C-alpha cells in the first residue's frame, strides 16, 4: 500500500512537470504562484526564469506580463536579426 501512495506521488509529480514544461513551451498561458502577472509568450525571459515548482497553467486571474505584451505586439520572429 505504501508503494501505491509513492506511485501516486510520483505520478502526480510527473504530471506536474509535464504541465510546467508544456506551459513553458508555449502550450497555453502560465503563471507563478509568487507573481502578480501571467505569461503567454515562450520568448519571455521573465516567464522562463521562474522555478518550475511554482509554475501553474492558466492565467490565475492575473494581468498579462508587460514583457509578454511587448513581445506579442512586436509580432514576427524573435531571434537573430542579422539574417534579414
N, C-alpha and C. Protein backbone atom coordinates (compact mmCIF):
# COMPACT_ATOMS: atom_id res chain seq x y z
N UNK A 1 0.82 -1.20 0.00
CA UNK A 1 0.00 0.00 0.00
C UNK A 1 0.86 1.26 0.00
N UNK A 2 1.98 1.22 0.70
CA UNK A 2 2.89 2.37 0.71
C UNK A 2 3.42 2.64 -0.69
N UNK A 3 3.67 1.56 -1.44
CA UNK A 3 4.17 1.75 -2.80
C UNK A 3 3.12 2.40 -3.68
N UNK A 4 1.84 2.10 -3.45
CA UNK A 4 0.78 2.75 -4.23
C UNK A 4 0.76 4.24 -3.95
N UNK A 5 0.93 4.61 -2.69
CA UNK A 5 0.98 6.03 -2.35
C UNK A 5 2.17 6.70 -3.01
N UNK A 6 3.33 6.02 -2.95
CA UNK A 6 4.52 6.57 -3.58
C UNK A 6 4.30 6.72 -5.08
N UNK A 7 3.69 5.72 -5.68
CA UNK A 7 3.42 5.79 -7.11
C UNK A 7 2.51 6.96 -7.43
N UNK A 8 1.51 7.17 -6.59
CA UNK A 8 0.61 8.30 -6.78
C UNK A 8 1.35 9.62 -6.71
N UNK A 9 2.25 9.74 -5.75
CA UNK A 9 3.02 10.97 -5.63
C UNK A 9 3.96 11.15 -6.81
N UNK A 10 4.56 10.06 -7.23
CA UNK A 10 5.46 10.14 -8.38
C UNK A 10 4.68 10.50 -9.63
N UNK A 11 3.54 9.87 -9.82
CA UNK A 11 2.70 10.18 -10.97
C UNK A 11 2.26 11.63 -10.93
N UNK A 12 1.90 12.09 -9.77
CA UNK A 12 1.48 13.47 -9.60
C UNK A 12 2.62 14.43 -9.93
N UNK A 13 3.82 14.10 -9.49
CA UNK A 13 4.98 14.94 -9.79
C UNK A 13 5.28 14.92 -11.28
N UNK A 14 5.13 13.76 -11.91
CA UNK A 14 5.35 13.67 -13.36
C UNK A 14 4.33 14.49 -14.12
N UNK A 15 3.07 14.41 -13.69
CA UNK A 15 2.03 15.20 -14.34
C UNK A 15 2.32 16.68 -14.18
N UNK A 16 2.77 17.07 -13.03
CA UNK A 16 3.07 18.46 -12.73
C UNK A 16 4.22 18.96 -13.61
N UNK A 17 5.25 18.14 -13.74
CA UNK A 17 6.39 18.50 -14.57
C UNK A 17 5.96 18.64 -16.02
N UNK A 18 5.10 17.72 -16.49
CA UNK A 18 4.61 17.79 -17.86
C UNK A 18 3.81 19.08 -18.07
N UNK A 19 2.97 19.46 -17.11
CA UNK A 19 2.21 20.71 -17.21
C UNK A 19 3.14 21.91 -17.25
N UNK A 20 4.14 21.90 -16.39
CA UNK A 20 5.09 23.02 -16.32
C UNK A 20 5.86 23.17 -17.61
N UNK A 21 6.42 22.07 -18.11
CA UNK A 21 7.21 22.17 -19.34
C UNK A 21 6.31 22.49 -20.51
N UNK A 22 5.08 22.00 -20.50
CA UNK A 22 4.13 22.33 -21.57
C UNK A 22 3.82 23.81 -21.58
N UNK A 23 3.60 24.37 -20.41
CA UNK A 23 3.31 25.80 -20.31
C UNK A 23 4.50 26.61 -20.80
N UNK A 24 5.68 26.21 -20.44
CA UNK A 24 6.87 26.95 -20.84
C UNK A 24 7.20 26.77 -22.31
N UNK A 25 6.66 25.76 -22.95
CA UNK A 25 6.87 25.57 -24.38
C UNK A 25 5.83 26.32 -25.20
N UNK A 26 4.99 27.08 -24.55
CA UNK A 26 4.01 27.86 -25.28
C UNK A 26 2.69 27.15 -25.47
N UNK A 27 2.42 26.14 -24.68
CA UNK A 27 1.16 25.41 -24.78
C UNK A 27 0.13 26.03 -23.84
N UNK A 28 -0.07 27.31 -23.97
CA UNK A 28 -1.04 28.00 -23.14
C UNK A 28 -0.38 28.88 -22.12
N UNK A 29 -1.17 29.74 -21.50
CA UNK A 29 -0.62 30.68 -20.51
C UNK A 29 -0.17 29.97 -19.23
N UNK A 30 0.74 30.62 -18.52
CA UNK A 30 1.23 30.11 -17.25
C UNK A 30 1.56 31.27 -16.33
N UNK A 31 1.64 30.97 -15.04
CA UNK A 31 1.99 31.99 -14.05
C UNK A 31 2.71 31.34 -12.89
N UNK A 32 3.34 32.17 -12.09
CA UNK A 32 3.98 31.70 -10.87
C UNK A 32 3.08 32.04 -9.70
N UNK A 33 3.02 31.15 -8.74
CA UNK A 33 2.23 31.42 -7.54
C UNK A 33 2.78 32.62 -6.78
N UNK A 34 4.04 33.00 -7.08
CA UNK A 34 4.69 34.11 -6.39
C UNK A 34 4.69 35.40 -7.21
N UNK A 35 3.88 35.45 -8.27
CA UNK A 35 3.90 36.61 -9.15
C UNK A 35 2.51 37.22 -9.27
N UNK A 36 2.47 38.48 -9.69
CA UNK A 36 1.20 39.18 -9.87
C UNK A 36 0.74 39.18 -11.31
N UNK A 37 1.47 38.51 -12.22
CA UNK A 37 1.14 38.51 -13.64
C UNK A 37 1.19 37.09 -14.20
N UNK A 38 0.59 36.90 -15.38
CA UNK A 38 0.72 35.63 -16.09
C UNK A 38 1.51 35.87 -17.37
N UNK A 39 1.96 34.78 -17.98
CA UNK A 39 2.78 34.84 -19.19
C UNK A 39 2.14 33.99 -20.27
N UNK A 40 2.33 34.39 -21.54
CA UNK A 40 1.81 33.57 -22.64
C UNK A 40 2.75 33.57 -23.85
N UNK A 41 3.92 34.16 -23.71
CA UNK A 41 4.87 34.20 -24.81
C UNK A 41 6.09 33.35 -24.43
N UNK A 42 6.39 32.30 -25.20
CA UNK A 42 7.52 31.42 -24.86
C UNK A 42 8.87 32.11 -24.92
N UNK A 43 8.94 33.32 -25.48
CA UNK A 43 10.20 34.06 -25.54
C UNK A 43 10.38 35.02 -24.38
N UNK A 44 9.45 35.05 -23.47
CA UNK A 44 9.52 35.95 -22.31
C UNK A 44 10.57 35.42 -21.33
N UNK A 45 11.61 36.21 -21.12
CA UNK A 45 12.68 35.78 -20.22
C UNK A 45 12.19 35.70 -18.78
N UNK A 46 11.32 36.62 -18.39
CA UNK A 46 10.78 36.59 -17.03
C UNK A 46 9.96 35.33 -16.82
N UNK A 47 9.11 35.02 -17.79
CA UNK A 47 8.27 33.83 -17.69
C UNK A 47 9.05 32.53 -17.73
N UNK A 48 10.20 32.55 -18.37
CA UNK A 48 11.02 31.34 -18.47
C UNK A 48 11.99 31.19 -17.31
N UNK A 49 12.11 32.19 -16.46
CA UNK A 49 13.10 32.13 -15.39
C UNK A 49 12.51 31.72 -14.04
N UNK A 50 11.23 31.41 -14.00
CA UNK A 50 10.63 31.05 -12.72
C UNK A 50 10.92 29.59 -12.35
N UNK A 51 10.91 29.33 -11.07
CA UNK A 51 11.15 27.97 -10.57
C UNK A 51 10.00 27.08 -11.00
N UNK A 52 10.29 25.93 -11.61
CA UNK A 52 9.23 25.04 -12.10
C UNK A 52 8.22 24.63 -11.04
N UNK A 53 8.65 24.52 -9.79
CA UNK A 53 7.70 24.11 -8.75
C UNK A 53 6.66 25.18 -8.46
N UNK A 54 6.90 26.42 -8.90
CA UNK A 54 5.94 27.50 -8.68
C UNK A 54 5.03 27.76 -9.88
N UNK A 55 5.26 27.06 -11.00
CA UNK A 55 4.52 27.32 -12.23
C UNK A 55 3.16 26.64 -12.20
N UNK A 56 2.14 27.39 -12.59
CA UNK A 56 0.78 26.89 -12.73
C UNK A 56 0.31 27.20 -14.14
N UNK A 57 -0.50 26.34 -14.73
CA UNK A 57 -1.05 26.63 -16.04
C UNK A 57 -2.26 27.53 -15.87
N UNK A 58 -2.49 28.37 -16.87
CA UNK A 58 -3.62 29.29 -16.86
C UNK A 58 -3.18 30.70 -16.55
N UNK A 59 -4.16 31.57 -16.37
CA UNK A 59 -3.86 32.97 -16.10
C UNK A 59 -3.90 33.29 -14.62
N UNK A 60 -4.54 32.47 -13.84
CA UNK A 60 -4.65 32.72 -12.40
C UNK A 60 -5.42 33.99 -12.08
N UNK A 61 -6.18 34.50 -13.08
CA UNK A 61 -6.92 35.74 -12.88
C UNK A 61 -6.03 36.96 -12.78
N UNK A 62 -4.79 36.83 -13.27
CA UNK A 62 -3.80 37.91 -13.17
C UNK A 62 -3.69 38.62 -14.52
N UNK A 63 -3.19 39.85 -14.53
CA UNK A 63 -2.96 40.56 -15.79
C UNK A 63 -1.75 40.00 -16.53
N UNK A 64 -1.70 40.25 -17.84
CA UNK A 64 -0.60 39.78 -18.67
C UNK A 64 0.69 40.53 -18.34
N UNK A 65 1.78 39.81 -18.32
CA UNK A 65 3.12 40.36 -18.11
C UNK A 65 3.43 41.40 -19.18
N UNK A 66 4.04 42.51 -18.79
CA UNK A 66 4.37 43.58 -19.75
C UNK A 66 5.36 43.10 -20.81
N UNK A 67 6.29 42.24 -20.42
CA UNK A 67 7.26 41.72 -21.38
C UNK A 67 6.55 40.85 -22.43
N UNK A 68 5.63 40.00 -21.99
CA UNK A 68 4.85 39.18 -22.94
C UNK A 68 4.02 40.07 -23.85
N UNK A 69 3.40 41.08 -23.27
CA UNK A 69 2.57 42.00 -24.06
C UNK A 69 3.41 42.68 -25.14
N UNK A 70 4.61 43.13 -24.77
CA UNK A 70 5.51 43.79 -25.71
C UNK A 70 5.95 42.81 -26.81
N UNK A 71 6.30 41.59 -26.43
CA UNK A 71 6.71 40.58 -27.40
C UNK A 71 5.55 40.21 -28.34
N UNK A 72 4.36 40.09 -27.78
CA UNK A 72 3.20 39.73 -28.59
C UNK A 72 2.86 40.82 -29.59
N UNK A 73 2.97 42.07 -29.19
CA UNK A 73 2.60 43.15 -30.12
C UNK A 73 3.71 43.45 -31.13
N UNK A 74 4.94 43.00 -30.85
CA UNK A 74 6.03 43.19 -31.81
C UNK A 74 5.80 42.32 -33.03
N UNK A 75 5.21 41.15 -32.84
CA UNK A 75 4.93 40.25 -33.95
C UNK A 75 6.19 39.78 -34.64
N UNK A 76 6.04 38.87 -35.56
CA UNK A 76 7.18 38.39 -36.32
C UNK A 76 8.10 37.52 -35.49
N UNK A 77 9.12 36.99 -36.12
CA UNK A 77 10.04 36.09 -35.43
C UNK A 77 10.94 36.85 -34.46
N UNK A 78 11.30 36.17 -33.42
CA UNK A 78 12.24 36.72 -32.44
C UNK A 78 13.51 35.90 -32.55
N UNK A 79 14.65 36.54 -32.59
CA UNK A 79 15.89 35.80 -32.66
C UNK A 79 16.97 36.60 -33.34
N UNK A 80 17.75 35.94 -34.14
CA UNK A 80 18.89 36.54 -34.81
C UNK A 80 18.42 37.47 -35.92
N UNK A 81 18.54 38.75 -35.72
CA UNK A 81 18.07 39.72 -36.70
C UNK A 81 19.10 40.05 -37.77
N UNK A 82 20.27 39.43 -37.69
CA UNK A 82 21.30 39.73 -38.70
C UNK A 82 21.05 39.00 -40.01
N UNK A 83 20.10 38.09 -40.04
CA UNK A 83 19.79 37.34 -41.26
C UNK A 83 18.66 37.95 -42.04
N UNK A 84 18.42 39.26 -41.90
CA UNK A 84 17.30 39.92 -42.59
C UNK A 84 17.54 40.02 -44.06
